[in-house]
Amino acid sequence: MDLSGIDAMLSQLKAASSAASGKAPDAASPQGGDFASVLKNSIDQVNALQQQPEKLAKAMETGSGNNSADLTEVMLSVQKANISFQEMVQVRNRLVTAYNDIMNMSV
């Protein structure tokens, strides 16, 4: 099972988190740009994972030559897309909560 996309997204989020907290980024973390670009890259990766099951399902339905996929591959792809989307929603919820906490702070 290939989880490299999720691992890359997690490492980008960890790098952004460490940069936001003022810590030096880990040596294993990739050097991303600003927070907006890291977030956009993560969303793009989730979007790509969301589109993959649709392509695999269509390939399975049509049985088009060497691009045909079996049911287990389609189901694994659907689950990976679901997990990555749920993770993105949780990150969004935490960002909204952090934003609300910051906005409610008295200066």
N, C-alpha and C. Protein backbone atom coordinates (compact mmCIF):
# COMPACT_ATOMS: atom_id res chain seq x y z
N MET A 1 0.85 -1.17 0.00
CA MET A 1 0.00 0.00 0.00
C MET A 1 0.90 1.23 0.00
N ASP A 2 0.64 2.14 -0.93
CA ASP A 2 1.47 3.31 -1.10
C ASP A 2 0.86 4.48 -0.33
N LEU A 3 1.52 4.90 0.73
CA LEU A 3 1.05 6.02 1.53
C LEU A 3 1.99 7.21 1.42
N SER A 4 2.78 7.25 0.34
CA SER A 4 3.77 8.31 0.22
C SER A 4 3.12 9.69 0.14
N GLY A 5 1.96 9.80 -0.48
CA GLY A 5 1.27 11.09 -0.56
C GLY A 5 0.85 11.60 0.81
N ILE A 6 0.32 10.68 1.62
CA ILE A 6 -0.10 11.06 2.97
C ILE A 6 1.12 11.39 3.81
N ASP A 7 2.19 10.59 3.67
CA ASP A 7 3.41 10.87 4.42
C ASP A 7 4.00 12.22 4.04
N ALA A 8 3.96 12.54 2.76
CA ALA A 8 4.48 13.84 2.32
C ALA A 8 3.64 14.97 2.89
N MET A 9 2.31 14.78 2.90
CA MET A 9 1.43 15.80 3.44
C MET A 9 1.68 15.98 4.94
N LEU A 10 1.85 14.87 5.66
CA LEU A 10 2.13 14.96 7.09
C LEU A 10 3.45 15.66 7.36
N SER A 11 4.47 15.34 6.58
CA SER A 11 5.77 15.99 6.81
C SER A 11 5.69 17.47 6.49
N GLN A 12 4.90 17.86 5.48
CA GLN A 12 4.73 19.29 5.19
C GLN A 12 3.98 19.98 6.32
N LEU A 13 2.97 19.34 6.86
CA LEU A 13 2.23 19.94 7.96
C LEU A 13 3.09 20.04 9.22
N LYS A 14 3.94 19.04 9.46
CA LYS A 14 4.85 19.11 10.61
C LYS A 14 5.86 20.23 10.43
N ALA A 15 6.35 20.40 9.21
CA ALA A 15 7.29 21.49 8.94
C ALA A 15 6.62 22.84 9.15
N ALA A 16 5.37 22.96 8.69
CA ALA A 16 4.65 24.22 8.87
C ALA A 16 4.37 24.47 10.35
N SER A 17 4.05 23.41 11.07
CA SER A 17 3.78 23.55 12.50
C SER A 17 5.02 23.98 13.25
N SER A 18 6.15 23.37 12.92
CA SER A 18 7.39 23.74 13.61
C SER A 18 7.82 25.15 13.24
N ALA A 19 7.58 25.55 11.99
CA ALA A 19 7.91 26.92 11.58
C ALA A 19 7.01 27.92 12.29
N ALA A 20 5.74 27.57 12.47
CA ALA A 20 4.81 28.47 13.14
C ALA A 20 5.12 28.61 14.62
N SER A 21 5.64 27.55 15.23
CA SER A 21 5.95 27.61 16.65
C SER A 21 7.34 28.20 16.91
N GLY A 22 8.10 28.48 15.87
CA GLY A 22 9.40 29.10 16.02
C GLY A 22 10.53 28.12 16.19
N LYS A 23 10.26 26.83 16.12
CA LYS A 23 11.31 25.82 16.25
C LYS A 23 12.00 25.65 14.91
N ALA A 24 13.21 25.14 14.97
CA ALA A 24 13.91 24.82 13.73
C ALA A 24 13.28 23.57 13.14
N PRO A 25 13.07 23.52 11.83
CA PRO A 25 12.45 22.34 11.23
C PRO A 25 13.36 21.13 11.34
N ASP A 26 12.72 19.95 11.37
CA ASP A 26 13.47 18.70 11.44
C ASP A 26 14.29 18.53 10.18
N ALA A 27 15.37 17.76 10.29
CA ALA A 27 16.20 17.50 9.11
C ALA A 27 15.45 16.63 8.12
N ALA A 28 14.52 15.78 8.60
CA ALA A 28 13.77 14.89 7.71
C ALA A 28 12.63 15.62 7.00
N SER A 29 12.24 16.78 7.49
CA SER A 29 11.13 17.51 6.89
C SER A 29 11.58 18.27 5.67
N PRO A 30 10.77 18.26 4.62
CA PRO A 30 11.14 19.03 3.44
C PRO A 30 10.99 20.52 3.71
N GLN A 31 11.79 21.30 3.07
CA GLN A 31 11.72 22.75 3.22
C GLN A 31 10.65 23.28 2.30
N GLY A 32 9.46 23.49 2.82
CA GLY A 32 8.38 24.06 2.03
C GLY A 32 8.48 25.56 2.08
N GLY A 33 7.66 26.22 1.31
CA GLY A 33 7.64 27.67 1.31
C GLY A 33 6.86 28.18 2.49
N ASP A 34 6.02 29.15 2.26
CA ASP A 34 5.21 29.69 3.32
C ASP A 34 4.04 28.74 3.62
N PHE A 35 3.28 29.10 4.64
CA PHE A 35 2.20 28.23 5.09
C PHE A 35 1.15 28.03 4.01
N ALA A 36 0.84 29.08 3.26
CA ALA A 36 -0.18 28.98 2.22
C ALA A 36 0.22 27.98 1.15
N SER A 37 1.48 27.97 0.75
CA SER A 37 1.90 27.03 -0.29
C SER A 37 1.90 25.59 0.23
N VAL A 38 2.28 25.41 1.49
CA VAL A 38 2.24 24.07 2.08
C VAL A 38 0.80 23.57 2.15
N LEU A 39 -0.09 24.46 2.55
CA LEU A 39 -1.50 24.08 2.64
C LEU A 39 -2.08 23.78 1.26
N LYS A 40 -1.73 24.59 0.27
CA LYS A 40 -2.22 24.36 -1.09
C LYS A 40 -1.69 23.03 -1.63
N ASN A 41 -0.41 22.74 -1.39
CA ASN A 41 0.16 21.46 -1.84
C ASN A 41 -0.56 20.29 -1.19
N SER A 42 -0.86 20.41 0.09
CA SER A 42 -1.56 19.34 0.80
C SER A 42 -2.97 19.14 0.24
N ILE A 43 -3.66 20.22 -0.04
CA ILE A 43 -5.00 20.12 -0.60
C ILE A 43 -4.95 19.52 -2.00
N ASP A 44 -3.95 19.89 -2.78
CA ASP A 44 -3.79 19.32 -4.11
C ASP A 44 -3.54 17.81 -4.05
N GLN A 45 -2.75 17.37 -3.05
CA GLN A 45 -2.49 15.94 -2.89
C GLN A 45 -3.77 15.20 -2.52
N VAL A 46 -4.56 15.78 -1.65
CA VAL A 46 -5.83 15.15 -1.27
C VAL A 46 -6.76 15.10 -2.47
N ASN A 47 -6.77 16.16 -3.26
CA ASN A 47 -7.59 16.19 -4.47
C ASN A 47 -7.17 15.09 -5.44
N ALA A 48 -5.88 14.90 -5.60
CA ALA A 48 -5.39 13.84 -6.50
C ALA A 48 -5.81 12.47 -5.98
N LEU A 49 -5.74 12.29 -4.65
CA LEU A 49 -6.17 11.01 -4.08
C LEU A 49 -7.68 10.81 -4.24
N GLN A 50 -8.45 11.91 -4.26
CA GLN A 50 -9.89 11.80 -4.44
C GLN A 50 -10.25 11.43 -5.88
N GLN A 51 -9.44 11.84 -6.84
CA GLN A 51 -9.74 11.56 -8.24
C GLN A 51 -9.28 10.17 -8.67
N GLN A 52 -8.31 9.60 -7.97
CA GLN A 52 -7.78 8.30 -8.36
C GLN A 52 -8.81 7.17 -8.30
N PRO A 53 -9.65 7.06 -7.25
CA PRO A 53 -10.63 5.96 -7.24
C PRO A 53 -11.61 6.01 -8.40
N GLU A 54 -11.97 7.23 -8.81
CA GLU A 54 -12.89 7.36 -9.94
C GLU A 54 -12.28 6.81 -11.22
N LYS A 55 -11.00 7.12 -11.43
CA LYS A 55 -10.30 6.60 -12.61
C LYS A 55 -10.17 5.09 -12.55
N LEU A 56 -9.83 4.57 -11.37
CA LEU A 56 -9.68 3.12 -11.23
C LEU A 56 -11.02 2.40 -11.41
N ALA A 57 -12.09 2.98 -10.88
CA ALA A 57 -13.41 2.36 -11.03
C ALA A 57 -13.82 2.33 -12.50
N LYS A 58 -13.54 3.41 -13.21
CA LYS A 58 -13.88 3.45 -14.63
C LYS A 58 -13.06 2.42 -15.40
N ALA A 59 -11.78 2.27 -15.04
CA ALA A 59 -10.93 1.28 -15.69
C ALA A 59 -11.42 -0.13 -15.39
N MET A 60 -11.90 -0.35 -14.15
CA MET A 60 -12.42 -1.67 -13.80
C MET A 60 -13.71 -1.96 -14.56
N GLU A 61 -14.57 -0.96 -14.67
CA GLU A 61 -15.85 -1.16 -15.36
C GLU A 61 -15.65 -1.47 -16.84
N THR A 62 -14.75 -0.74 -17.46
CA THR A 62 -14.55 -0.93 -18.90
C THR A 62 -13.59 -2.08 -19.19
N GLY A 63 -12.73 -2.41 -18.23
CA GLY A 63 -11.75 -3.48 -18.46
C GLY A 63 -10.81 -3.15 -19.60
N SER A 64 -10.42 -1.91 -19.67
CA SER A 64 -9.63 -1.42 -20.80
C SER A 64 -8.17 -1.88 -20.74
N GLY A 65 -7.89 -3.01 -21.31
CA GLY A 65 -6.52 -3.52 -21.52
C GLY A 65 -5.67 -3.56 -20.27
N ASN A 66 -4.46 -3.02 -20.36
CA ASN A 66 -3.52 -3.08 -19.25
C ASN A 66 -3.83 -2.04 -18.18
N ASN A 67 -4.80 -1.15 -18.39
CA ASN A 67 -5.19 -0.18 -17.38
C ASN A 67 -6.30 -0.68 -16.47
N SER A 68 -6.77 -1.91 -16.70
CA SER A 68 -7.87 -2.42 -15.90
C SER A 68 -7.40 -2.65 -14.46
N ALA A 69 -8.29 -2.37 -13.53
CA ALA A 69 -7.98 -2.53 -12.11
C ALA A 69 -8.92 -3.57 -11.52
N ASP A 70 -8.48 -4.22 -10.46
CA ASP A 70 -9.36 -5.17 -9.80
C ASP A 70 -10.09 -4.47 -8.66
N LEU A 71 -11.06 -5.17 -8.11
CA LEU A 71 -11.93 -4.58 -7.09
C LEU A 71 -11.15 -4.19 -5.84
N THR A 72 -10.19 -5.01 -5.43
CA THR A 72 -9.43 -4.69 -4.21
C THR A 72 -8.62 -3.42 -4.39
N GLU A 73 -8.06 -3.22 -5.57
CA GLU A 73 -7.29 -2.00 -5.82
C GLU A 73 -8.20 -0.77 -5.77
N VAL A 74 -9.40 -0.91 -6.32
CA VAL A 74 -10.35 0.21 -6.30
C VAL A 74 -10.77 0.51 -4.87
N MET A 75 -11.08 -0.52 -4.10
CA MET A 75 -11.53 -0.32 -2.72
C MET A 75 -10.42 0.27 -1.86
N LEU A 76 -9.18 -0.17 -2.04
CA LEU A 76 -8.06 0.42 -1.30
C LEU A 76 -7.89 1.89 -1.65
N SER A 77 -8.05 2.20 -2.91
CA SER A 77 -7.94 3.59 -3.35
C SER A 77 -9.04 4.44 -2.74
N VAL A 78 -10.24 3.91 -2.68
CA VAL A 78 -11.37 4.63 -2.07
C VAL A 78 -11.09 4.89 -0.59
N GLN A 79 -10.58 3.89 0.10
CA GLN A 79 -10.29 4.05 1.53
C GLN A 79 -9.18 5.06 1.77
N LYS A 80 -8.13 5.03 0.95
CA LYS A 80 -7.05 6.00 1.08
C LYS A 80 -7.57 7.41 0.86
N ALA A 81 -8.43 7.57 -0.14
CA ALA A 81 -9.01 8.89 -0.42
C ALA A 81 -9.88 9.34 0.75
N ASN A 82 -10.64 8.44 1.31
CA ASN A 82 -11.51 8.76 2.43
C ASN A 82 -10.69 9.18 3.65
N ILE A 83 -9.65 8.43 3.95
CA ILE A 83 -8.81 8.75 5.11
C ILE A 83 -8.11 10.09 4.92
N SER A 84 -7.60 10.33 3.73
CA SER A 84 -6.91 11.61 3.50
C SER A 84 -7.89 12.78 3.59
N PHE A 85 -9.11 12.60 3.11
CA PHE A 85 -10.11 13.66 3.20
C PHE A 85 -10.49 13.93 4.66
N GLN A 86 -10.68 12.86 5.44
CA GLN A 86 -11.01 13.03 6.85
C GLN A 86 -9.87 13.74 7.59
N GLU A 87 -8.64 13.40 7.23
CA GLU A 87 -7.49 14.07 7.84
C GLU A 87 -7.48 15.55 7.49
N MET A 88 -7.77 15.87 6.24
CA MET A 88 -7.80 17.27 5.82
C MET A 88 -8.89 18.03 6.56
N VAL A 89 -10.04 17.41 6.77
CA VAL A 89 -11.13 18.06 7.49
C VAL A 89 -10.71 18.31 8.94
N GLN A 90 -10.02 17.36 9.56
CA GLN A 90 -9.56 17.55 10.93
C GLN A 90 -8.54 18.69 11.03
N VAL A 91 -7.65 18.77 10.05
CA VAL A 91 -6.68 19.87 10.03
C VAL A 91 -7.41 21.19 9.88
N ARG A 92 -8.39 21.24 8.99
CA ARG A 92 -9.18 22.46 8.81
C ARG A 92 -9.88 22.85 10.09
N ASN A 93 -10.48 21.87 10.78
CA ASN A 93 -11.17 22.16 12.03
C ASN A 93 -10.22 22.72 13.08
N ARG A 94 -9.02 22.17 13.15
CA ARG A 94 -8.04 22.68 14.12
C ARG A 94 -7.58 24.08 13.75
N LEU A 95 -7.42 24.34 12.46
CA LEU A 95 -7.04 25.69 12.03
C LEU A 95 -8.13 26.70 12.36
N VAL A 96 -9.39 26.34 12.16
CA VAL A 96 -10.49 27.24 12.48
C VAL A 96 -10.55 27.47 13.98
N THR A 97 -10.36 26.44 14.77
CA THR A 97 -10.35 26.58 16.22
C THR A 97 -9.21 27.48 16.67
N ALA A 98 -8.03 27.29 16.10
CA ALA A 98 -6.89 28.13 16.45
C ALA A 98 -7.15 29.58 16.06
N TYR A 99 -7.73 29.80 14.89
CA TYR A 99 -8.07 31.16 14.45
C TYR A 99 -9.05 31.81 15.41
N ASN A 100 -10.09 31.07 15.79
CA ASN A 100 -11.07 31.62 16.72
C ASN A 100 -10.45 31.92 18.08
N ASP A 101 -9.57 31.06 18.56
CA ASP A 101 -8.88 31.30 19.83
C ASP A 101 -8.04 32.56 19.76
N ILE A 102 -7.34 32.75 18.66
CA ILE A 102 -6.50 33.94 18.50
C ILE A 102 -7.36 35.19 18.42
N MET A 103 -8.47 35.11 17.69
CA MET A 103 -9.33 36.27 17.55
C MET A 103 -10.02 36.64 18.87
N ASN A 104 -10.22 35.68 19.75
CA ASN A 104 -10.88 35.95 21.02
C ASN A 104 -9.91 36.37 22.13
N MET A 105 -8.61 36.39 21.83
CA MET A 105 -7.63 36.81 22.83
C MET A 105 -7.73 38.32 23.03
N SER A 106 -7.60 38.71 24.28
CA SER A 106 -7.56 40.16 24.53
C SER A 106 -6.12 40.62 24.53
N VAL A 107 -5.90 41.78 23.95
CA VAL A 107 -4.53 42.28 23.79
C VAL A 107 -4.15 43.17 24.92
